[in-house]
Amino acid sequence: MTAQQEPSFDCGGDLPVDCAQVAVYVQSFIDGEHVSISIEALEVHLDRCAPCGLEADDFRRLKVALARRKSERSMVDLLRCCCQSILETGKL
């Protein structure tokens, strides 16, 4: 794709919703939020359209990575709190 080409939002398939509609709703759908189009139509599109399916997979991986990062940070904060408590009280 050259710098002046617009990204294509049409996979050319005979699907219940088009790529542009999926692009609007895919992240909310992955997050389990309400979307104003048919969930079944969205799932069919993601299963049959490789570019949109890959984008959905990217969002899923990002969501997992962010959750893992948040969990790791929470564990560090918990450890820091425990260490601080030990330093202040001298007991575990």
Foldseek 3Di string as FASTA:
>chain_A
DDPPDDDDFALPDPAPDTSVLLVVCLLCVLVVHDDPDDPVSSVVCLVPRPVSVVVSVVSNVVVVVVVVVVVVVVVVVVVVVVVVVCVVPVHD
